[in-house]
């Protein structure tokens, strides 16, 4: 009889252990879903604010934190460039794009001179980021890409047709 009680206690202990592991996994999944929903909401709000600023120069003036004077039309273009970059970054953060795919998207964006100007005009924004943050690491990747693209596209002896091979695609 004592042997039977021991076996029943062991089964109960195993069941409690498995239940705890399952509850922990569900809690982690729930947290991941809440974070993804918060990120989606943050992205939607950011995009909505940028759209409003692109339409209304009075609102765009609030976002004018550039180190030089930027005419209103160019500022709207910079805001749009920011929206494009943040959109690609959002897809990467949610897992819809790998780092290599993100790199491909920003490589295409960086072909545009206005996008490269936007990137240069906002460099001081990125300088305040902690060096180990994901955004700072991606910013360094973009800096190198933009520098290579500037060199390629501004070379008078180069026809710029090799833009698609600029930079080494990151692993990930």
C-alpha atoms as a PDB file:
ATOM      1  CA  UNK A   1       0.000   0.000   0.000  1.00  0.00           C
ATOM      2  CA  UNK A   2       2.847   2.390   0.786  1.00  0.00           C
ATOM      3  CA  UNK A   3       4.302   1.705  -2.648  1.00  0.00           C
ATOM      4  CA  UNK A   4       1.004   2.629  -4.316  1.00  0.00           C
ATOM      5  CA  UNK A   5       0.811   5.939  -2.390  1.00  0.00           C
ATOM      6  CA  UNK A   6       4.369   6.797  -3.460  1.00  0.00           C
ATOM      7  CA  UNK A   7       3.477   6.191  -7.129  1.00  0.00           C
ATOM      8  CA  UNK A   8       0.369   8.368  -6.890  1.00  0.00           C
ATOM      9  CA  UNK A   9       2.377  11.200  -5.243  1.00  0.00           C
ATOM     10  CA  UNK A  10       4.988  10.952  -8.014  1.00  0.00           C
ATOM     11  CA  UNK A  11       2.275  11.213 -10.690  1.00  0.00           C
ATOM     12  CA  UNK A  12       0.805  14.249  -8.927  1.00  0.00           C
ATOM     13  CA  UNK A  13       4.216  15.906  -8.727  1.00  0.00           C
ATOM     14  CA  UNK A  14       4.863  15.253 -12.431  1.00  0.00           C
ATOM     15  CA  UNK A  15       1.441  16.635 -13.359  1.00  0.00           C
ATOM     16  CA  UNK A  16       2.046  19.812 -11.286  1.00  0.00           C
ATOM     17  CA  UNK A  17       5.458  20.239 -12.909  1.00  0.00           C
ATOM     18  CA  UNK A  18       4.042  19.878 -16.417  1.00  0.00           C
ATOM     19  CA  UNK A  19       1.213  22.256 -15.572  1.00  0.00           C
ATOM     20  CA  UNK A  20       3.741  24.851 -14.342  1.00  0.00           C
ATOM     21  CA  UNK A  21       5.798  24.528 -17.537  1.00  0.00           C
ATOM     22  CA  UNK A  22       2.658  24.916 -19.662  1.00  0.00           C
ATOM     23  CA  UNK A  23       1.489  27.942 -17.666  1.00  0.00           C
ATOM     24  CA  UNK A  24       4.919  29.537 -18.044  1.00  0.00           C
ATOM     25  CA  UNK A  25       4.914  28.964 -21.813  1.00  0.00           C
ATOM     26  CA  UNK A  26       1.432  30.474 -22.099  1.00  0.00           C
ATOM     27  CA  UNK A  27       2.500  33.498 -20.058  1.00  0.00           C
ATOM     28  CA  UNK A  28       5.542  34.046 -22.322  1.00  0.00           C
ATOM     29  CA  UNK A  29       3.376  33.757 -25.436  1.00  0.00           C
ATOM     30  CA  UNK A  30       0.855  36.195 -23.990  1.00  0.00           C
ATOM     31  CA  UNK A  31       3.624  38.676 -23.158  1.00  0.00           C
ATOM     32  CA  UNK A  32       5.051  38.337 -26.697  1.00  0.00           C
ATOM     33  CA  UNK A  33       1.578  38.976 -28.170  1.00  0.00           C
ATOM     34  CA  UNK A  34       1.063  42.043 -25.942  1.00  0.00           C
ATOM     35  CA  UNK A  35       4.465  43.432 -26.972  1.00  0.00           C
ATOM     36  CA  UNK A  36       3.715  42.840 -30.657  1.00  0.00           C
ATOM     37  CA  UNK A  37       0.319  44.563 -30.276  1.00  0.00           C
ATOM     38  CA  UNK A  38       1.969  47.510 -28.486  1.00  0.00           C
ATOM     39  CA  UNK A  39       4.587  47.761 -31.241  1.00  0.00           C
ATOM     40  CA  UNK A  40       1.854  47.706 -33.905  1.00  0.00           C
ATOM     41  CA  UNK A  41      -0.045  50.453 -32.097  1.00  0.00           C
ATOM     42  CA  UNK A  42       3.129  52.521 -31.699  1.00  0.00           C
ATOM     43  CA  UNK A  43       3.873  52.137 -35.408  1.00  0.00           C
ATOM     44  CA  UNK A  44       0.333  53.112 -36.396  1.00  0.00           C
ATOM     45  CA  UNK A  45       0.445  56.198 -34.162  1.00  0.00           C
ATOM     46  CA  UNK A  46       3.888  57.211 -35.464  1.00  0.00           C
ATOM     47  CA  UNK A  47       2.712  56.893 -39.046  1.00  0.00           C
ATOM     48  CA  UNK A  48      -0.476  58.854 -38.311  1.00  0.00           C
ATOM     49  CA  UNK A  49       1.532  61.679 -36.724  1.00  0.00           C
ATOM     50  CA  UNK A  50       3.950  61.783 -39.666  1.00  0.00           C
ATOM     51  CA  UNK A  51       1.044  61.917 -42.123  1.00  0.00           C
ATOM     52  CA  UNK A  52      -0.470  64.843 -40.259  1.00  0.00           C
ATOM     53  CA  UNK A  53       2.879  66.659 -40.222  1.00  0.00           C
ATOM     54  CA  UNK A  54       3.374  66.060 -43.962  1.00  0.00           C
ATOM     55  CA  UNK A  55       0.030  67.738 -44.678  1.00  0.00           C
ATOM     56  CA  UNK A  56       0.205  70.595 -42.156  1.00  0.00           C
ATOM     57  CA  UNK A  57       3.348  72.802 -42.155  1.00  0.00           C
ATOM     58  CA  UNK A  58       2.461  74.110 -38.675  1.00  0.00           C
ATOM     59  CA  UNK A  59       2.690  70.557 -37.312  1.00  0.00           C
ATOM     60  CA  UNK A  60       5.792  69.782 -39.373  1.00  0.00           C
ATOM     61  CA  UNK A  61       7.507  72.739 -37.676  1.00  0.00           C
ATOM     62  CA  UNK A  62       7.301  70.837 -34.376  1.00  0.00           C
ATOM     63  CA  UNK A  63       9.401  68.056 -35.892  1.00  0.00           C
ATOM     64  CA  UNK A  64      12.007  70.450 -37.300  1.00  0.00           C
ATOM     65  CA  UNK A  65      15.011  69.424 -35.211  1.00  0.00           C
ATOM     66  CA  UNK A  66      17.539  69.596 -38.015  1.00  0.00           C
ATOM     67  CA  UNK A  67      20.853  71.384 -37.509  1.00  0.00           C
ATOM     68  CA  UNK A  68      20.303  73.554 -40.593  1.00  0.00           C
ATOM     69  CA  UNK A  69      17.361  75.294 -42.203  1.00  0.00           C
ATOM     70  CA  UNK A  70      15.241  72.857 -44.160  1.00  0.00           C
ATOM     71  CA  UNK A  71      12.603  74.316 -46.495  1.00  0.00           C
ATOM     72  CA  UNK A  72       9.037  73.080 -45.824  1.00  0.00           C
ATOM     73  CA  UNK A  73       8.827  70.998 -49.015  1.00  0.00           C
ATOM     74  CA  UNK A  74      12.121  69.263 -48.235  1.00  0.00           C
ATOM     75  CA  UNK A  75      10.998  68.704 -44.639  1.00  0.00           C
ATOM     76  CA  UNK A  76       7.867  66.922 -45.888  1.00  0.00           C
ATOM     77  CA  UNK A  77      10.125  64.757 -48.031  1.00  0.00           C
ATOM     78  CA  UNK A  78      12.293  63.997 -44.995  1.00  0.00           C
ATOM     79  CA  UNK A  79       9.207  63.035 -43.010  1.00  0.00           C
ATOM     80  CA  UNK A  80       8.171  60.706 -45.802  1.00  0.00           C
ATOM     81  CA  UNK A  81      11.697  59.214 -45.916  1.00  0.00           C
ATOM     82  CA  UNK A  82      11.421  58.642 -42.172  1.00  0.00           C
ATOM     83  CA  UNK A  83       8.052  56.939 -42.651  1.00  0.00           C
ATOM     84  CA  UNK A  84       9.543  54.605 -45.268  1.00  0.00           C
ATOM     85  CA  UNK A  85      12.528  53.744 -43.068  1.00  0.00           C
ATOM     86  CA  UNK A  86      10.447  53.200 -39.942  1.00  0.00           C
ATOM     87  CA  UNK A  87       8.007  51.040 -41.899  1.00  0.00           C
ATOM     88  CA  UNK A  88      10.831  48.746 -43.052  1.00  0.00           C
ATOM     89  CA  UNK A  89      12.234  48.732 -39.519  1.00  0.00           C
ATOM     90  CA  UNK A  90       8.812  47.783 -38.134  1.00  0.00           C
ATOM     91  CA  UNK A  91       8.538  44.824 -40.491  1.00  0.00           C
ATOM     92  CA  UNK A  92      11.986  43.683 -39.366  1.00  0.00           C
ATOM     93  CA  UNK A  93      11.088  44.039 -35.683  1.00  0.00           C
ATOM     94  CA  UNK A  94       7.932  41.990 -36.123  1.00  0.00           C
ATOM     95  CA  UNK A  95       9.789  39.237 -37.930  1.00  0.00           C
ATOM     96  CA  UNK A  96       8.262  39.885 -41.347  1.00  0.00           C
ATOM     97  CA  UNK A  97      11.720  40.758 -42.751  1.00  0.00           C
ATOM     98  CA  UNK A  98      15.051  39.175 -41.929  1.00  0.00           C
ATOM     99  CA  UNK A  99      18.018  41.485 -41.422  1.00  0.00           C
ATOM    100  CA  UNK A 100      19.211  40.618 -44.945  1.00  0.00           C
ATOM    101  CA  UNK A 101      15.761  41.476 -46.377  1.00  0.00           C
ATOM    102  CA  UNK A 102      15.678  44.750 -44.432  1.00  0.00           C
ATOM    103  CA  UNK A 103      19.107  45.550 -45.829  1.00  0.00           C
ATOM    104  CA  UNK A 104      17.811  44.955 -49.340  1.00  0.00           C
ATOM    105  CA  UNK A 105      14.922  47.377 -48.765  1.00  0.00           C
ATOM    106  CA  UNK A 106      17.090  50.134 -47.308  1.00  0.00           C
ATOM    107  CA  UNK A 107      19.687  49.596 -50.035  1.00  0.00           C
ATOM    108  CA  UNK A 108      16.996  50.486 -52.588  1.00  0.00           C
ATOM    109  CA  UNK A 109      15.852  53.475 -50.499  1.00  0.00           C
ATOM    110  CA  UNK A 110      19.411  54.747 -50.204  1.00  0.00           C
ATOM    111  CA  UNK A 111      19.666  55.064 -53.982  1.00  0.00           C
ATOM    112  CA  UNK A 112      17.489  58.149 -53.638  1.00  0.00           C
ATOM    113  CA  UNK A 113      19.448  61.372 -53.064  1.00  0.00           C
ATOM    114  CA  UNK A 114      16.715  62.892 -50.872  1.00  0.00           C
ATOM    115  CA  UNK A 115      16.730  59.806 -48.642  1.00  0.00           C
ATOM    116  CA  UNK A 116      20.515  60.093 -48.287  1.00  0.00           C
ATOM    117  CA  UNK A 117      20.139  63.799 -47.446  1.00  0.00           C
ATOM    118  CA  UNK A 118      17.489  62.928 -44.850  1.00  0.00           C
ATOM    119  CA  UNK A 119      19.830  60.352 -43.342  1.00  0.00           C
ATOM    120  CA  UNK A 120      22.648  62.920 -43.092  1.00  0.00           C
ATOM    121  CA  UNK A 121      20.314  65.591 -41.669  1.00  0.00           C
ATOM    122  CA  UNK A 122      19.152  63.251 -38.888  1.00  0.00           C
ATOM    123  CA  UNK A 123      22.536  61.802 -37.875  1.00  0.00           C
ATOM    124  CA  UNK A 124      22.510  63.709 -34.583  1.00  0.00           C
ATOM    125  CA  UNK A 125      19.206  61.988 -33.726  1.00  0.00           C
ATOM    126  CA  UNK A 126      20.947  58.614 -33.859  1.00  0.00           C
ATOM    127  CA  UNK A 127      24.021  59.795 -31.963  1.00  0.00           C
ATOM    128  CA  UNK A 128      21.984  59.933 -28.754  1.00  0.00           C
ATOM    129  CA  UNK A 129      21.051  56.241 -28.926  1.00  0.00           C
ATOM    130  CA  UNK A 130      22.778  53.743 -26.633  1.00  0.00           C
ATOM    131  CA  UNK A 131      25.478  52.081 -28.772  1.00  0.00           C
ATOM    132  CA  UNK A 132      24.181  48.601 -27.962  1.00  0.00           C
ATOM    133  CA  UNK A 133      20.567  49.301 -28.948  1.00  0.00           C
ATOM    134  CA  UNK A 134      19.103  47.580 -32.007  1.00  0.00           C
ATOM    135  CA  UNK A 135      18.358  50.933 -33.590  1.00  0.00           C
ATOM    136  CA  UNK A 136      21.951  52.144 -33.091  1.00  0.00           C
ATOM    137  CA  UNK A 137      23.327  48.944 -34.626  1.00  0.00           C
ATOM    138  CA  UNK A 138      20.983  49.315 -37.611  1.00  0.00           C
ATOM    139  CA  UNK A 139      21.932  53.000 -37.822  1.00  0.00           C
ATOM    140  CA  UNK A 140      25.615  52.066 -38.112  1.00  0.00           C
ATOM    141  CA  UNK A 141      24.734  49.551 -40.806  1.00  0.00           C
ATOM    142  CA  UNK A 142      22.817  52.292 -42.651  1.00  0.00           C
ATOM    143  CA  UNK A 143      25.663  54.794 -42.233  1.00  0.00           C
ATOM    144  CA  UNK A 144      28.073  52.394 -43.942  1.00  0.00           C
ATOM    145  CA  UNK A 145      25.545  51.653 -46.691  1.00  0.00           C
ATOM    146  CA  UNK A 146      24.821  55.347 -47.324  1.00  0.00           C
ATOM    147  CA  UNK A 147      28.532  56.165 -47.386  1.00  0.00           C
ATOM    148  CA  UNK A 148      29.173  53.449 -49.993  1.00  0.00           C
ATOM    149  CA  UNK A 149      26.125  54.524 -52.002  1.00  0.00           C
ATOM    150  CA  UNK A 150      27.258  58.176 -51.948  1.00  0.00           C
ATOM    151  CA  UNK A 151      30.692  57.134 -53.182  1.00  0.00           C
ATOM    152  CA  UNK A 152      29.225  55.014 -55.972  1.00  0.00           C
ATOM    153  CA  UNK A 153      26.498  57.376 -57.150  1.00  0.00           C
ATOM    154  CA  UNK A 154      28.589  60.547 -56.975  1.00  0.00           C
ATOM    155  CA  UNK A 155      31.545  59.102 -58.896  1.00  0.00           C
ATOM    156  CA  UNK A 156      31.522  60.833 -62.307  1.00  0.00           C
ATOM    157  CA  UNK A 157      33.288  57.851 -63.895  1.00  0.00           C
ATOM    158  CA  UNK A 158      30.687  55.365 -62.661  1.00  0.00           C
ATOM    159  CA  UNK A 159      27.290  54.958 -64.293  1.00  0.00           C
ATOM    160  CA  UNK A 160      25.719  53.873 -60.963  1.00  0.00           C
ATOM    161  CA  UNK A 161      24.448  50.612 -62.392  1.00  0.00           C
ATOM    162  CA  UNK A 162      26.215  48.564 -59.716  1.00  0.00           C
ATOM    163  CA  UNK A 163      24.139  50.017 -56.829  1.00  0.00           C
ATOM    164  CA  UNK A 164      22.585  46.634 -56.049  1.00  0.00           C
ATOM    165  CA  UNK A 165      25.945  45.178 -54.961  1.00  0.00           C
ATOM    166  CA  UNK A 166      26.761  48.012 -52.548  1.00  0.00           C
ATOM    167  CA  UNK A 167      27.548  46.818 -49.055  1.00  0.00           C
ATOM    168  CA  UNK A 168      27.824  43.338 -47.675  1.00  0.00           C
ATOM    169  CA  UNK A 169      24.453  41.871 -46.824  1.00  0.00           C
ATOM    170  CA  UNK A 170      24.386  41.221 -43.064  1.00  0.00           C
ATOM    171  CA  UNK A 171      23.746  37.779 -41.673  1.00  0.00           C
ATOM    172  CA  UNK A 172      20.400  37.222 -39.991  1.00  0.00           C
END
